[in-house]
PDB file of N, CA and C in Angstrom:
ATOM      1  N   MET A   1       0.729  -0.897   0.119  1.00  0.00           N
ATOM      2  CA  MET A   1       0.167   0.068  -0.025  1.00  0.00           C
ATOM      3  C   MET A   1       0.906   1.353   0.134  1.00  0.00           C
ATOM      4  N   ARG A   2       1.133   1.636  -1.059  1.00  0.00           N
ATOM      5  CA  ARG A   2       2.303   3.100  -1.647  1.00  0.00           C
ATOM      6  C   ARG A   2       1.510   4.113  -2.191  1.00  0.00           C
ATOM      7  N   ARG A   3       1.055   4.529  -1.613  1.00  0.00           N
ATOM      8  CA  ARG A   3       0.546   5.713  -2.619  1.00  0.00           C
ATOM      9  C   ARG A   3       0.947   6.858  -2.616  1.00  0.00           C
ATOM     10  N   GLY A   4       1.894   7.753  -1.199  1.00  0.00           N
ATOM     11  CA  GLY A   4       2.637   8.773  -1.964  1.00  0.00           C
ATOM     12  C   GLY A   4       2.502  10.364  -2.512  1.00  0.00           C
ATOM     13  N   LYS A   5       2.853  10.335  -4.033  1.00  0.00           N
ATOM     14  CA  LYS A   5       2.210  11.234  -5.011  1.00  0.00           C
ATOM     15  C   LYS A   5       1.742  10.819  -6.205  1.00  0.00           C
ATOM     16  N   ARG A   6       0.915  10.371  -5.898  1.00  0.00           N
ATOM     17  CA  ARG A   6       0.361   9.455  -7.030  1.00  0.00           C
ATOM     18  C   ARG A   6      -0.647  10.177  -7.490  1.00  0.00           C
ATOM     19  N   ASN A   7      -1.415   9.526  -8.866  1.00  0.00           N
ATOM     20  CA  ASN A   7      -2.847  10.137  -8.727  1.00  0.00           C
ATOM     21  C   ASN A   7      -4.001   9.939  -8.289  1.00  0.00           C
ATOM     22  N   PRO A   8      -4.225  10.511  -7.993  1.00  0.00           N
ATOM     23  CA  PRO A   8      -5.686  10.574  -6.733  1.00  0.00           C
ATOM     24  C   PRO A   8      -6.476   9.518  -7.388  1.00  0.00           C
ATOM     25  N   ARG A   9      -7.152   9.374  -8.542  1.00  0.00           N
ATOM     26  CA  ARG A   9      -7.578   8.395  -8.735  1.00  0.00           C
ATOM     27  C   ARG A   9      -6.878   6.969  -8.896  1.00  0.00           C
ATOM     28  N   ALA A  10      -5.935   7.050  -9.266  1.00  0.00           N
ATOM     29  CA  ALA A  10      -5.289   5.475  -8.831  1.00  0.00           C
ATOM     30  C   ALA A  10      -5.039   5.393  -7.640  1.00  0.00           C
ATOM     31  N   ALA A  11      -5.174   5.920  -6.538  1.00  0.00           N
ATOM     32  CA  ALA A  11      -4.786   5.829  -5.221  1.00  0.00           C
ATOM     33  C   ALA A  11      -6.105   5.183  -4.924  1.00  0.00           C
ATOM     34  N   LEU A  12      -6.944   5.606  -5.256  1.00  0.00           N
ATOM     35  CA  LEU A  12      -8.495   5.743  -4.821  1.00  0.00           C
ATOM     36  C   LEU A  12      -9.149   4.098  -5.541  1.00  0.00           C
ATOM     37  N   GLU A  13      -8.461   3.750  -6.858  1.00  0.00           N
ATOM     38  CA  GLU A  13      -8.456   2.368  -7.163  1.00  0.00           C
ATOM     39  C   GLU A  13      -8.100   1.295  -6.213  1.00  0.00           C
ATOM     40  N   GLU A  14      -6.701   1.537  -6.262  1.00  0.00           N
ATOM     41  CA  GLU A  14      -5.457   0.778  -4.798  1.00  0.00           C
ATOM     42  C   GLU A  14      -6.732   0.380  -3.478  1.00  0.00           C
ATOM     43  N   ILE A  15      -7.147   1.556  -3.459  1.00  0.00           N
ATOM     44  CA  ILE A  15      -8.143   1.686  -1.978  1.00  0.00           C
ATOM     45  C   ILE A  15      -9.265   0.339  -2.346  1.00  0.00           C
ATOM     46  N   ARG A  16      -9.882   0.549  -3.361  1.00  0.00           N
ATOM     47  CA  ARG A  16     -11.199   0.297  -3.475  1.00  0.00           C
ATOM     48  C   ARG A  16     -10.918  -1.551  -3.477  1.00  0.00           C
ATOM     49  N   GLY A  17      -9.476  -1.708  -4.667  1.00  0.00           N
ATOM     50  CA  GLY A  17      -9.314  -2.910  -4.430  1.00  0.00           C
ATOM     51  C   GLY A  17      -8.550  -3.286  -3.306  1.00  0.00           C
ATOM     52  N   GLU A  18      -7.917  -2.950  -2.346  1.00  0.00           N
ATOM     53  CA  GLU A  18      -7.800  -3.303  -1.333  1.00  0.00           C
ATOM     54  C   GLU A  18      -8.711  -3.994  -0.372  1.00  0.00           C
ATOM     55  N   LEU A  19      -9.931  -2.859  -0.237  1.00  0.00           N
ATOM     56  CA  LEU A  19     -11.247  -3.321   0.304  1.00  0.00           C
ATOM     57  C   LEU A  19     -11.999  -4.295  -0.472  1.00  0.00           C
ATOM     58  N   LEU A  20     -11.814  -4.694  -1.055  1.00  0.00           N
ATOM     59  CA  LEU A  20     -12.424  -6.039  -1.730  1.00  0.00           C
ATOM     60  C   LEU A  20     -11.987  -7.273  -1.683  1.00  0.00           C
ATOM     61  N   GLY A  21     -10.381  -7.094  -2.017  1.00  0.00           N
ATOM     62  CA  GLY A  21      -9.464  -8.043  -1.401  1.00  0.00           C
ATOM     63  C   GLY A  21     -10.098  -8.904   0.005  1.00  0.00           C
ATOM     64  N   ILE A  22     -10.124  -7.851   1.227  1.00  0.00           N
ATOM     65  CA  ILE A  22     -10.258  -8.003   2.311  1.00  0.00           C
ATOM     66  C   ILE A  22     -11.835  -8.428   2.486  1.00  0.00           C
ATOM     67  N   LEU A  23     -12.749  -7.920   1.449  1.00  0.00           N
ATOM     68  CA  LEU A  23     -14.177  -8.433   1.796  1.00  0.00           C
ATOM     69  C   LEU A  23     -14.406 -10.493   1.235  1.00  0.00           C
ATOM     70  N   THR A  24     -13.214 -10.414   0.388  1.00  0.00           N
ATOM     71  CA  THR A  24     -13.007 -11.778  -0.297  1.00  0.00           C
ATOM     72  C   THR A  24     -12.371 -12.380   0.823  1.00  0.00           C
ATOM     73  N   ALA A  25     -11.218 -12.456   1.648  1.00  0.00           N
ATOM     74  CA  ALA A  25     -10.891 -12.731   2.604  1.00  0.00           C
ATOM     75  C   ALA A  25     -11.672 -13.361   4.244  1.00  0.00           C
ATOM     76  N   ALA A  26     -12.731 -12.081   4.210  1.00  0.00           N
ATOM     77  CA  ALA A  26     -13.727 -12.236   4.759  1.00  0.00           C
ATOM     78  C   ALA A  26     -14.657 -13.069   4.981  1.00  0.00           C
ATOM     79  N   VAL A  27     -15.028 -13.480   3.353  1.00  0.00           N
ATOM     80  CA  VAL A  27     -15.938 -14.439   3.014  1.00  0.00           C
ATOM     81  C   VAL A  27     -15.702 -15.647   3.449  1.00  0.00           C
ATOM     82  N   ALA A  28     -14.565 -15.779   2.561  1.00  0.00           N
ATOM     83  CA  ALA A  28     -13.977 -16.874   2.896  1.00  0.00           C
ATOM     84  C   ALA A  28     -13.862 -17.499   4.368  1.00  0.00           C
ATOM     85  N   ASP A  29     -13.126 -16.334   5.549  1.00  0.00           N
ATOM     86  CA  ASP A  29     -13.245 -16.718   6.531  1.00  0.00           C
ATOM     87  C   ASP A  29     -14.576 -17.211   7.251  1.00  0.00           C
ATOM     88  N   LEU A  30     -15.612 -16.432   6.720  1.00  0.00           N
ATOM     89  CA  LEU A  30     -17.116 -16.790   7.038  1.00  0.00           C
ATOM     90  C   LEU A  30     -17.461 -18.202   6.657  1.00  0.00           C
ATOM     91  N   ASN A  31     -17.352 -18.107   5.420  1.00  0.00           N
ATOM     92  CA  ASN A  31     -17.564 -20.063   4.666  1.00  0.00           C
ATOM     93  C   ASN A  31     -16.796 -21.024   5.739  1.00  0.00           C
ATOM     94  N   SER A  32     -15.554 -20.728   5.941  1.00  0.00           N
ATOM     95  CA  SER A  32     -14.715 -21.857   6.854  1.00  0.00           C
ATOM     96  C   SER A  32     -15.392 -21.824   8.423  1.00  0.00           C
ATOM     97  N   ASP A  33     -16.249 -20.907   8.531  1.00  0.00           N
ATOM     98  CA  ASP A  33     -16.754 -20.567  10.416  1.00  0.00           C
ATOM     99  C   ASP A  33     -15.101 -20.537  11.210  1.00  0.00           C
ATOM    100  N   ARG A  34     -14.574 -19.320  10.359  1.00  0.00           N
ATOM    101  CA  ARG A  34     -13.356 -18.775  11.560  1.00  0.00           C
ATOM    102  C   ARG A  34     -14.054 -17.078  11.835  1.00  0.00           C
ATOM    103  N   LEU A  35     -15.093 -17.023  11.197  1.00  0.00           N
ATOM    104  CA  LEU A  35     -16.122 -15.638  11.598  1.00  0.00           C
ATOM    105  C   LEU A  35     -17.317 -15.771  11.372  1.00  0.00           C
ATOM    106  N   SER A  36     -17.694 -15.076  12.757  1.00  0.00           N
ATOM    107  CA  SER A  36     -18.869 -15.591  12.687  1.00  0.00           C
ATOM    108  C   SER A  36     -20.744 -14.440  11.710  1.00  0.00           C
ATOM    109  N   GLU A  37     -20.928 -15.053  11.622  1.00  0.00           N
ATOM    110  CA  GLU A  37     -22.283 -13.935  10.927  1.00  0.00           C
ATOM    111  C   GLU A  37     -22.076 -12.570  11.863  1.00  0.00           C
ATOM    112  N   GLU A  38     -22.068 -12.585  12.968  1.00  0.00           N
ATOM    113  CA  GLU A  38     -22.491 -11.436  14.008  1.00  0.00           C
ATOM    114  C   GLU A  38     -21.032 -10.541  13.099  1.00  0.00           C
ATOM    115  N   SER A  39     -19.973 -10.834  13.441  1.00  0.00           N
ATOM    116  CA  SER A  39     -18.710 -10.513  13.042  1.00  0.00           C
ATOM    117  C   SER A  39     -18.770  -9.801  11.457  1.00  0.00           C
ATOM    118  N   PHE A  40     -19.342 -10.817  10.695  1.00  0.00           N
ATOM    119  CA  PHE A  40     -19.020 -10.573   9.671  1.00  0.00           C
ATOM    120  C   PHE A  40     -20.125  -8.955   9.057  1.00  0.00           C
ATOM    121  N   ASP A  41     -21.509  -9.242   9.526  1.00  0.00           N
ATOM    122  CA  ASP A  41     -22.106  -8.213   9.602  1.00  0.00           C
ATOM    123  C   ASP A  41     -21.310  -6.653   9.957  1.00  0.00           C
ATOM    124  N   SER A  42     -20.528  -6.715  11.135  1.00  0.00           N
ATOM    125  CA  SER A  42     -20.556  -5.299  11.421  1.00  0.00           C
ATOM    126  C   SER A  42     -18.947  -5.293  10.285  1.00  0.00           C
ATOM    127  N   PHE A  43     -18.470  -5.994  10.123  1.00  0.00           N
ATOM    128  CA  PHE A  43     -17.424  -5.676   9.183  1.00  0.00           C
ATOM    129  C   PHE A  43     -18.008  -5.285   7.817  1.00  0.00           C
ATOM    130  N   ARG A  44     -19.174  -5.881   7.343  1.00  0.00           N
ATOM    131  CA  ARG A  44     -19.389  -5.583   5.960  1.00  0.00           C
ATOM    132  C   ARG A  44     -20.106  -4.083   6.174  1.00  0.00           C
ATOM    133  N   THR A  45     -20.387  -3.601   7.491  1.00  0.00           N
ATOM    134  CA  THR A  45     -21.265  -2.041   7.421  1.00  0.00           C
ATOM    135  C   THR A  45     -19.925  -0.879   7.416  1.00  0.00           C
ATOM    136  N   ILE A  46     -18.842  -1.551   7.941  1.00  0.00           N
ATOM    137  CA  ILE A  46     -17.798  -0.940   8.100  1.00  0.00           C
ATOM    138  C   ILE A  46     -17.401  -0.703   6.665  1.00  0.00           C
ATOM    139  N   LEU A  47     -17.217  -1.887   5.968  1.00  0.00           N
ATOM    140  CA  LEU A  47     -16.911  -1.772   4.614  1.00  0.00           C
ATOM    141  C   LEU A  47     -17.312  -1.131   3.354  1.00  0.00           C
ATOM    142  N   GLN A  48     -18.454  -1.371   3.789  1.00  0.00           N
ATOM    143  CA  GLN A  48     -19.839   0.053   2.978  1.00  0.00           C
ATOM    144  C   GLN A  48     -19.453   0.912   3.388  1.00  0.00           C
ATOM    145  N   LEU A  49     -19.166   1.527   5.123  1.00  0.00           N
ATOM    146  CA  LEU A  49     -18.762   3.193   4.610  1.00  0.00           C
ATOM    147  C   LEU A  49     -17.538   3.483   4.066  1.00  0.00           C
ATOM    148  N   GLY A  50     -16.234   2.568   3.633  1.00  0.00           N
ATOM    149  CA  GLY A  50     -14.981   2.907   3.447  1.00  0.00           C
ATOM    150  C   GLY A  50     -15.436   2.649   1.649  1.00  0.00           C
ATOM    151  N   LEU A  51     -16.164   1.615   1.358  1.00  0.00           N
ATOM    152  CA  LEU A  51     -16.398   1.620  -0.231  1.00  0.00           C
ATOM    153  C   LEU A  51     -17.454   3.268  -0.651  1.00  0.00           C
ATOM    154  N   GLU A  52     -18.538   3.615   0.070  1.00  0.00           N
ATOM    155  CA  GLU A  52     -18.741   4.893  -0.211  1.00  0.00           C
ATOM    156  C   GLU A  52     -18.255   6.011  -0.028  1.00  0.00           C
ATOM    157  N   VAL A  53     -17.084   6.038   1.025  1.00  0.00           N
ATOM    158  CA  VAL A  53     -16.014   7.275   0.593  1.00  0.00           C
ATOM    159  C   VAL A  53     -15.400   7.405  -0.533  1.00  0.00           C
ATOM    160  N   VAL A  54     -15.006   6.043  -0.960  1.00  0.00           N
ATOM    161  CA  VAL A  54     -13.884   5.887  -1.802  1.00  0.00           C
ATOM    162  C   VAL A  54     -14.884   6.380  -3.207  1.00  0.00           C
ATOM    163  N   ARG A  55     -16.291   5.770  -3.536  1.00  0.00           N
ATOM    164  CA  ARG A  55     -16.958   6.342  -4.663  1.00  0.00           C
ATOM    165  C   ARG A  55     -16.987   8.091  -4.252  1.00  0.00           C
ATOM    166  N   ASP A  56     -17.553   8.842  -3.225  1.00  0.00           N
ATOM    167  CA  ASP A  56     -17.948   9.675  -3.251  1.00  0.00           C
ATOM    168  C   ASP A  56     -16.522  10.785  -3.222  1.00  0.00           C
ATOM    169  N   CYS A  57     -15.611  10.389  -2.858  1.00  0.00           N
ATOM    170  CA  CYS A  57     -13.929  11.006  -3.384  1.00  0.00           C
ATOM    171  C   CYS A  57     -13.807  10.655  -4.706  1.00  0.00           C
ATOM    172  N   ARG A  58     -13.952   9.679  -5.284  1.00  0.00           N
ATOM    173  CA  ARG A  58     -14.187   9.611  -7.172  1.00  0.00           C
ATOM    174  C   ARG A  58     -15.504  10.335  -7.292  1.00  0.00           C
ATOM    175  N   SER A  59     -16.089  10.364  -7.328  1.00  0.00           N
ATOM    176  CA  SER A  59     -17.354  11.361  -7.254  1.00  0.00           C
ATOM    177  C   SER A  59     -16.905  12.943  -7.501  1.00  0.00           C
ATOM    178  N   VAL A  60     -16.031  13.644  -6.709  1.00  0.00           N
ATOM    179  CA  VAL A  60     -15.590  14.718  -6.144  1.00  0.00           C
ATOM    180  C   VAL A  60     -14.813  14.956  -7.341  1.00  0.00           C
ATOM    181  N   LEU A  61     -13.793  14.312  -7.421  1.00  0.00           N
ATOM    182  CA  LEU A  61     -12.554  14.203  -8.354  1.00  0.00           C
ATOM    183  C   LEU A  61     -13.123  14.360 -10.375  1.00  0.00           C
ATOM    184  N   GLU A  62     -14.067  13.784 -10.316  1.00  0.00           N
ATOM    185  CA  GLU A  62     -14.662  14.034 -11.833  1.00  0.00           C
ATOM    186  C   GLU A  62     -15.470  15.357 -11.867  1.00  0.00           C
ATOM    187  N   THR A  63     -15.901  15.796 -10.675  1.00  0.00           N
ATOM    188  CA  THR A  63     -16.695  16.631 -10.913  1.00  0.00           C
ATOM    189  C   THR A  63     -15.636  18.478 -10.992  1.00  0.00           C
ATOM    190  N   ALA A  64     -14.670  18.257 -10.032  1.00  0.00           N
ATOM    191  CA  ALA A  64     -13.588  18.907 -10.622  1.00  0.00           C
ATOM    192  C   ALA A  64     -12.763  19.136 -11.450  1.00  0.00           C
ATOM    193  N   SER A  65     -12.730  18.265 -12.082  1.00  0.00           N
ATOM    194  CA  SER A  65     -11.806  17.780 -13.658  1.00  0.00           C
ATOM    195  C   SER A  65     -13.155  18.202 -14.438  1.00  0.00           C
ATOM    196  N   ARG A  66     -13.918  18.582 -14.418  1.00  0.00           N
ATOM    197  CA  ARG A  66     -15.008  18.947 -15.788  1.00  0.00           C
ATOM    198  C   ARG A  66     -14.729  20.918 -16.004  1.00  0.00           C
TER     199      ARG A  66
END
């Protein structure tokens, strides 16, 4: 996770990819009973917030570039 002085859009896509990777791992843990449904639901709520922030930031960048 190295962002530094990069293109903000590329950094947001990297963050989004990392969040989706974490989701994939959480689903695998849920399926193998290493994560409870209650814990997964809590995680999913936080993940959704993170993805919404990324989406909102992308929207702001698109609007600013017009």
